[in-house]
Amino acid sequence: MSDTLTKSATPTRTGKGNLRSKLTGWDTIIGVLTVLVLIIASFAVDNFGTSRNFTFMVLDLLPIILIALPMTMIIVTGEIDLSVASTLGLTSSMMGWLWNQGLSIETIIPLCVVIGAVCGVVNGFLITGLGLPSLAVTIGTLALYRGLAFVVLGDGAVADFPWNYTGWVTGTLGGGAVPNVLILIVVLALIFGIVQHATPFGRSLYAIGANAQAAHFSGIRVARTKFWLYVVSGAIAGLVGVLWTLRYSSARADNGSGLELAVVAAVLLGGVSIFGGKGSLPGVLAGVVLLTALQNALRLEDVSGQALNIVTGSLLVLSVLLPNITTAVRGNWHRRRLRQAAR
């Protein structure tokens, strides 16, 4: 009888433990913090809660959230891609140059995505083919791609893109408050979320990040997986370069400068471990919204761009520090409970 009671009680304790773990997990913490920031800013900052500002905030988070989707997968595998903003700038420059050559916008857009993918191929080959460290490689290509962007377009700008395209990027559904680009964000977020959390490929990313050698011996094609992640990252950065150019109706070589800092900060703030093997896309999405909301609120309060950089840098440091502190506190609490139960 006692054995039966013990067996029946075990799932209950396990279920409570899992629920407690989820409620105190970093994803939940960052989600609650994001909601609190949005609520407080809506009351404390003039015009923050308006429909017009909502539209601008979605447009601001568009490049960060799209690039963060493949960046999350890359960092989960224990790698990083710091060249994404320079890839954005290069595709923007190429978009302006191709437009000046007389190509149609319908031809230019897919070409720019392909150019971004080629940048990803270069990164992927150097990292997985030659075995070079991703940090060193993507710092190098960060400078390379930005330099090529200036070679292509120089210091000038191209600004006469078709209104039906620029208007769609900056426009809203039915003239309301929901931007058209939100559809793209939702669709891509769902695709990446399903791939990362509901497929064998997505599960293999965590295995690679936890122990790449063990993953290789278990049959996972580690090098090929990482290679294609960089290709996808480049393609998404190329797409963002197109959207950035159309939003501001300006193709420039310096478009997106410094964006990689915001992307990495948002991904790490969302709970993805910089060492790989840990993290979830919902946490990253919350991190992106939190970072964008803070930047938007500070801009409405006329805070300078330098101060915004300080905020982004501080969040980057905290995003590495706080999850580790949270994990340590939970571990100590759990060990204390075990010792009490053993007495």
Protein backbone atom coordinates (compact mmCIF):
# COMPACT_ATOMS: atom_id res chain seq x y z
CA MET A 1 0.00 0.00 0.00
CA SER A 2 2.82 2.40 0.93
CA ASP A 3 4.59 1.64 -2.37
CA THR A 4 1.43 2.52 -4.25
CA LEU A 5 1.11 5.81 -2.41
CA THR A 6 4.76 6.62 -3.09
CA LYS A 7 4.43 5.94 -6.82
CA SER A 8 1.27 8.00 -7.09
CA ALA A 9 2.83 10.88 -5.20
CA THR A 10 5.99 11.01 -7.30
CA PRO A 11 4.40 12.44 -10.49
CA THR A 12 2.70 15.13 -8.43
CA ARG A 13 5.97 16.28 -6.90
CA THR A 14 7.63 16.13 -10.31
CA GLY A 15 4.81 18.12 -11.86
CA LYS A 16 5.04 20.75 -9.13
CA GLY A 17 8.80 20.88 -9.57
CA ASN A 18 8.49 21.39 -13.33
CA LEU A 19 5.85 24.09 -12.82
CA ARG A 20 8.03 25.86 -10.25
CA SER A 21 11.02 25.61 -12.59
CA LYS A 22 9.05 27.18 -15.44
CA LEU A 23 7.65 29.95 -13.25
CA THR A 24 11.10 30.86 -11.96
CA GLY A 25 12.88 30.32 -15.28
CA TRP A 26 14.60 33.15 -17.11
CA ASP A 27 12.06 33.08 -19.97
CA THR A 28 9.25 33.81 -17.50
CA ILE A 29 11.27 36.48 -15.70
CA ILE A 30 12.15 38.35 -18.89
CA GLY A 31 8.55 38.02 -20.14
CA VAL A 32 7.11 39.50 -16.94
CA LEU A 33 9.74 42.25 -16.97
CA THR A 34 8.85 43.10 -20.57
CA VAL A 35 5.15 43.40 -19.73
CA LEU A 36 5.94 45.61 -16.71
CA VAL A 37 8.15 47.91 -18.81
CA LEU A 38 5.42 48.26 -21.44
CA ILE A 39 2.77 49.06 -18.82
CA ILE A 40 4.92 51.53 -16.88
CA ALA A 41 6.12 53.29 -20.05
CA SER A 42 2.54 53.61 -21.31
CA PHE A 43 1.65 55.64 -18.21
CA ALA A 44 4.94 57.40 -17.52
CA VAL A 45 6.12 58.38 -21.03
CA ASP A 46 4.08 60.76 -23.15
CA ASN A 47 2.87 59.27 -26.47
CA PHE A 48 4.38 55.84 -25.73
CA GLY A 49 0.99 54.12 -25.70
CA THR A 50 -0.32 55.74 -28.88
CA SER A 51 -1.10 53.73 -32.00
CA ARG A 52 1.36 55.84 -34.00
CA ASN A 53 4.19 55.03 -31.62
CA PHE A 54 3.25 51.35 -31.70
CA THR A 55 3.73 51.41 -35.46
CA PHE A 56 7.14 53.04 -35.14
CA MET A 57 8.18 50.61 -32.40
CA VAL A 58 7.32 47.59 -34.57
CA LEU A 59 9.33 49.10 -37.43
CA ASP A 60 12.24 49.63 -35.02
CA LEU A 61 12.20 46.05 -33.76
CA LEU A 62 11.81 44.60 -37.27
CA PRO A 63 15.55 44.37 -38.13
CA ILE A 64 16.54 43.22 -34.64
CA ILE A 65 13.91 40.51 -34.37
CA LEU A 66 14.43 39.10 -37.88
CA ILE A 67 18.21 38.86 -37.53
CA ALA A 68 17.79 37.48 -33.99
CA LEU A 69 15.87 34.45 -35.33
CA PRO A 70 18.86 32.73 -36.99
CA MET A 71 21.28 34.33 -34.50
CA THR A 72 19.51 32.44 -31.71
CA MET A 73 20.17 29.13 -33.44
CA ILE A 74 23.81 30.04 -34.10
CA ILE A 75 24.50 30.99 -30.48
CA VAL A 76 22.68 27.87 -29.23
CA THR A 77 25.28 25.84 -31.16
CA GLY A 78 28.06 27.74 -29.36
CA GLU A 79 28.98 30.03 -32.27
CA ILE A 80 28.28 33.68 -33.13
CA ASP A 81 27.85 35.91 -36.19
CA LEU A 82 28.97 39.53 -35.76
CA SER A 83 28.90 40.29 -39.49
CA VAL A 84 25.11 40.57 -39.81
CA ALA A 85 24.94 44.38 -39.72
CA SER A 86 27.71 44.69 -42.31
CA THR A 87 25.90 42.16 -44.51
CA LEU A 88 22.84 44.39 -44.17
CA GLY A 89 24.90 47.41 -45.24
CA LEU A 90 26.42 45.57 -48.20
CA THR A 91 23.03 44.40 -49.50
CA SER A 92 21.67 47.92 -49.07
CA SER A 93 24.55 49.30 -51.13
CA MET A 94 24.06 46.63 -53.78
CA MET A 95 20.35 47.45 -53.87
CA GLY A 96 21.13 51.09 -54.61
CA TRP A 97 23.79 50.23 -57.20
CA LEU A 98 21.56 47.72 -59.00
CA TRP A 99 18.71 50.23 -59.01
CA ASN A 100 21.00 52.79 -60.64
CA GLN A 101 21.89 50.18 -63.28
CA GLY A 102 18.25 50.06 -64.31
CA LEU A 103 17.19 46.68 -62.87
CA SER A 104 13.62 46.31 -61.67
CA ILE A 105 12.90 46.23 -57.95
CA GLU A 106 11.34 42.78 -58.39
CA THR A 107 14.70 41.50 -59.65
CA ILE A 108 16.79 43.42 -57.12
CA ILE A 109 15.06 42.12 -53.97
CA PRO A 110 15.79 38.38 -54.52
CA LEU A 111 19.30 39.24 -55.75
CA CYS A 112 20.01 41.06 -52.48
CA VAL A 113 18.80 38.08 -50.47
CA VAL A 114 21.14 35.87 -52.51
CA ILE A 115 24.03 38.30 -51.91
CA GLY A 116 23.35 38.04 -48.18
CA ALA A 117 23.33 34.25 -48.44
CA VAL A 118 26.68 34.34 -50.26
CA CYS A 119 28.10 36.36 -47.35
CA GLY A 120 26.82 33.60 -45.09
CA VAL A 121 28.47 30.97 -47.31
CA VAL A 122 31.82 32.73 -46.86
CA ASN A 123 31.37 32.79 -43.07
CA GLY A 124 30.22 29.19 -42.99
CA PHE A 125 33.11 27.92 -45.11
CA LEU A 126 35.75 29.71 -43.06
CA ILE A 127 34.24 28.47 -39.79
CA THR A 128 33.18 24.92 -40.64
CA GLY A 129 35.40 24.19 -43.63
CA LEU A 130 38.67 25.60 -42.31
CA GLY A 131 37.86 25.24 -38.62
CA LEU A 132 38.45 28.90 -37.75
CA PRO A 133 36.79 30.42 -34.65
CA SER A 134 33.50 32.14 -35.43
CA LEU A 135 34.29 35.19 -33.30
CA ALA A 136 37.50 35.96 -35.20
CA VAL A 137 35.99 35.16 -38.61
CA THR A 138 32.87 37.28 -38.24
CA ILE A 139 34.80 40.22 -36.78
CA GLY A 140 36.93 40.04 -39.92
CA THR A 141 33.97 39.79 -42.29
CA LEU A 142 32.24 42.55 -40.33
CA ALA A 143 34.99 44.89 -41.54
CA LEU A 144 35.23 43.22 -44.98
CA TYR A 145 31.55 43.48 -45.88
CA ARG A 146 31.26 47.04 -44.59
CA GLY A 147 34.32 48.01 -46.62
CA LEU A 148 32.82 46.41 -49.73
CA ALA A 149 29.61 48.35 -49.12
CA PHE A 150 31.54 51.63 -49.32
CA VAL A 151 33.41 50.42 -52.41
CA VAL A 152 30.09 49.71 -54.14
CA LEU A 153 28.23 52.92 -53.27
CA GLY A 154 30.74 55.25 -51.63
CA ASP A 155 29.45 57.89 -49.24
CA GLY A 156 26.40 58.69 -51.35
CA ALA A 157 22.83 57.48 -51.17
CA VAL A 158 20.17 56.26 -53.56
CA ALA A 159 16.68 57.36 -52.61
CA ASP A 160 14.22 57.10 -55.51
CA PHE A 161 12.73 53.67 -54.88
CA PRO A 162 9.15 52.85 -55.95
CA TRP A 163 6.51 54.22 -53.60
CA ASN A 164 4.40 51.06 -53.68
CA TYR A 165 7.28 49.18 -52.04
CA THR A 166 8.42 51.84 -49.60
CA GLY A 167 4.78 52.55 -48.74
CA TRP A 168 4.08 48.89 -47.99
CA VAL A 169 7.03 48.62 -45.59
CA THR A 170 6.03 51.74 -43.66
CA GLY A 171 2.27 51.29 -44.07
CA THR A 172 -0.33 49.64 -41.86
CA LEU A 173 -3.06 47.07 -42.33
CA GLY A 174 -6.23 48.83 -43.43
CA GLY A 175 -4.83 52.18 -42.33
CA GLY A 176 -4.90 51.12 -38.67
CA ALA A 177 -2.11 50.78 -36.13
CA VAL A 178 -0.79 47.34 -37.11
CA PRO A 179 2.16 47.63 -39.52
CA ASN A 180 2.21 45.47 -42.64
CA VAL A 181 5.64 44.11 -41.70
CA LEU A 182 4.18 42.55 -38.55
CA ILE A 183 2.81 39.80 -40.81
CA LEU A 184 6.35 39.01 -41.94
CA ILE A 185 7.61 39.01 -38.35
CA VAL A 186 4.89 36.60 -37.18
CA VAL A 187 5.33 34.22 -40.12
CA LEU A 188 9.11 34.00 -39.82
CA ALA A 189 8.99 33.75 -36.01
CA LEU A 190 6.55 30.82 -36.27
CA ILE A 191 8.72 29.06 -38.86
CA PHE A 192 11.92 29.48 -36.85
CA GLY A 193 10.15 28.60 -33.60
CA ILE A 194 8.75 25.35 -35.00
CA VAL A 195 12.10 24.39 -36.52
CA GLN A 196 14.02 25.15 -33.33
CA HIS A 197 11.64 23.62 -30.79
CA ALA A 198 9.62 20.97 -32.62
CA THR A 199 11.95 19.24 -35.07
CA PRO A 200 14.92 16.85 -34.83
CA PHE A 201 17.05 19.54 -36.49
CA GLY A 202 16.22 22.00 -33.74
CA ARG A 203 17.00 19.46 -31.03
CA SER A 204 20.33 18.75 -32.69
CA LEU A 205 21.31 22.40 -32.23
CA TYR A 206 21.13 22.03 -28.45
CA ALA A 207 23.12 18.81 -28.63
CA ILE A 208 25.82 20.56 -30.66
CA GLY A 209 25.95 23.47 -28.23
CA ALA A 210 26.16 21.18 -25.20
CA ASN A 211 28.92 18.99 -26.64
CA ALA A 212 29.81 19.20 -30.34
CA GLN A 213 32.09 16.14 -30.22
CA ALA A 214 29.45 13.97 -28.58
CA ALA A 215 26.88 15.24 -31.08
CA HIS A 216 29.21 14.25 -33.94
CA PHE A 217 29.66 10.73 -32.58
CA SER A 218 25.90 10.40 -32.18
CA GLY A 219 25.44 10.94 -35.92
CA ILE A 220 24.71 14.67 -36.08
CA ARG A 221 26.41 16.43 -38.98
CA VAL A 222 27.82 19.25 -36.90
CA ALA A 223 29.80 21.10 -39.58
CA ARG A 224 27.00 20.94 -42.16
CA THR A 225 24.42 22.14 -39.63
CA LYS A 226 26.52 25.13 -38.63
CA PHE A 227 27.31 25.94 -42.27
CA TRP A 228 23.64 26.20 -43.23
CA LEU A 229 22.87 28.28 -40.16
CA TYR A 230 25.35 30.90 -41.40
CA VAL A 231 23.84 30.77 -44.89
CA VAL A 232 20.36 31.39 -43.45
CA SER A 233 21.73 34.16 -41.21
CA GLY A 234 23.24 35.88 -44.24
CA ALA A 235 20.05 35.53 -46.27
CA ILE A 236 17.94 37.02 -43.47
CA ALA A 237 20.44 39.87 -43.06
CA GLY A 238 20.14 40.47 -46.81
CA LEU A 239 16.34 40.58 -46.54
CA VAL A 240 16.61 43.01 -43.64
CA GLY A 241 18.94 45.15 -45.75
CA VAL A 242 16.17 45.40 -48.34
CA LEU A 243 13.51 46.24 -45.75
CA TRP A 244 15.79 48.80 -44.05
CA THR A 245 16.45 50.50 -47.41
CA LEU A 246 12.77 50.60 -48.31
CA ARG A 247 11.72 51.86 -44.88
CA TYR A 248 14.02 54.89 -45.04
CA SER A 249 13.92 55.04 -48.86
CA SER A 250 17.68 55.35 -48.78
CA ALA A 251 20.37 52.88 -49.82
CA ARG A 252 23.57 53.73 -47.95
CA ALA A 253 26.78 51.88 -47.14
CA ASP A 254 26.48 52.72 -43.44
CA ASN A 255 22.93 51.41 -43.03
CA GLY A 256 22.58 49.21 -39.96
CA SER A 257 25.90 50.21 -38.39
CA GLY A 258 26.12 48.83 -34.84
CA LEU A 259 22.98 46.72 -35.19
CA GLU A 260 24.87 43.53 -34.33
CA LEU A 261 25.31 44.81 -30.77
CA ALA A 262 21.55 45.21 -30.29
CA VAL A 263 20.85 41.78 -31.81
CA VAL A 264 23.37 39.95 -29.60
CA ALA A 265 22.17 41.87 -26.54
CA ALA A 266 18.54 40.91 -27.24
CA VAL A 267 19.40 37.23 -27.81
CA LEU A 268 21.44 36.95 -24.62
CA LEU A 269 18.88 39.00 -22.69
CA GLY A 270 16.31 36.43 -23.80
CA GLY A 271 18.19 33.72 -21.92
CA VAL A 272 20.34 32.12 -24.65
CA SER A 273 23.67 31.05 -23.17
CA ILE A 274 26.70 32.59 -24.86
CA PHE A 275 28.39 29.18 -24.32
CA GLY A 276 25.68 27.36 -26.28
CA GLY A 277 23.28 24.52 -25.52
CA LYS A 278 20.65 26.63 -23.79
CA GLY A 279 17.94 29.13 -24.71
CA SER A 280 14.52 29.45 -26.30
CA LEU A 281 13.01 31.59 -29.02
CA PRO A 282 10.09 32.92 -26.89
CA GLY A 283 12.62 34.32 -24.41
CA VAL A 284 14.53 35.96 -27.27
CA LEU A 285 11.36 37.54 -28.66
CA ALA A 286 10.63 38.97 -25.20
CA GLY A 287 14.21 40.24 -25.02
CA VAL A 288 13.85 42.00 -28.37
CA VAL A 289 10.60 43.67 -27.30
CA LEU A 290 12.12 44.72 -23.97
CA LEU A 291 15.20 46.23 -25.60
CA THR A 292 13.15 48.02 -28.27
CA ALA A 293 10.62 49.33 -25.75
CA LEU A 294 13.37 50.76 -23.53
CA GLN A 295 15.08 52.44 -26.48
CA ASN A 296 11.78 53.82 -27.75
CA ALA A 297 10.78 55.21 -24.36
CA LEU A 298 14.17 56.87 -23.92
CA ARG A 299 13.95 58.45 -27.38
CA LEU A 300 10.55 59.89 -26.51
CA GLU A 301 12.20 61.40 -23.44
CA ASP A 302 14.82 63.02 -25.74
CA VAL A 303 17.67 60.84 -24.47
CA SER A 304 20.78 61.13 -26.67
CA GLY A 305 22.02 58.39 -28.97
CA GLN A 306 25.16 58.00 -26.84
CA ALA A 307 23.01 57.27 -23.80
CA LEU A 308 21.08 54.68 -25.80
CA ASN A 309 24.37 52.94 -26.59
CA ILE A 310 25.15 52.90 -22.87
CA VAL A 311 21.78 51.28 -22.18
CA THR A 312 22.33 48.66 -24.89
CA GLY A 313 25.83 47.88 -23.64
CA SER A 314 24.63 47.65 -20.04
CA LEU A 315 21.85 45.27 -21.04
CA LEU A 316 24.40 43.15 -22.90
CA VAL A 317 26.50 42.81 -19.74
CA LEU A 318 23.44 42.15 -17.56
CA SER A 319 22.12 39.58 -20.04
CA VAL A 320 25.24 37.49 -19.45
CA LEU A 321 25.42 38.13 -15.70
CA LEU A 322 21.81 37.83 -14.51
CA PRO A 323 20.92 34.39 -15.94
CA ASN A 324 24.06 32.98 -14.31
CA ILE A 325 23.12 34.56 -11.00
CA THR A 326 19.57 33.22 -11.31
CA THR A 327 20.85 29.72 -12.06
CA ALA A 328 23.25 29.84 -9.11
CA VAL A 329 20.51 30.99 -6.71
CA ARG A 330 18.11 28.29 -7.89
CA GLY A 331 20.87 25.67 -7.59
CA ASN A 332 21.66 26.72 -4.02
CA TRP A 333 17.99 26.70 -3.09
CA HIS A 334 17.55 23.23 -4.59
CA ARG A 335 20.59 21.84 -2.77
CA ARG A 336 19.35 23.33 0.49
CA ARG A 337 15.98 21.63 -0.01
CA LEU A 338 17.72 18.31 -0.68
CA ARG A 339 19.77 18.60 2.50
CA GLN A 340 16.66 19.40 4.51
CA ALA A 341 14.85 16.42 3.01
CA ALA A 342 17.77 14.12 3.86
CA ARG A 343 17.67 15.02 7.56
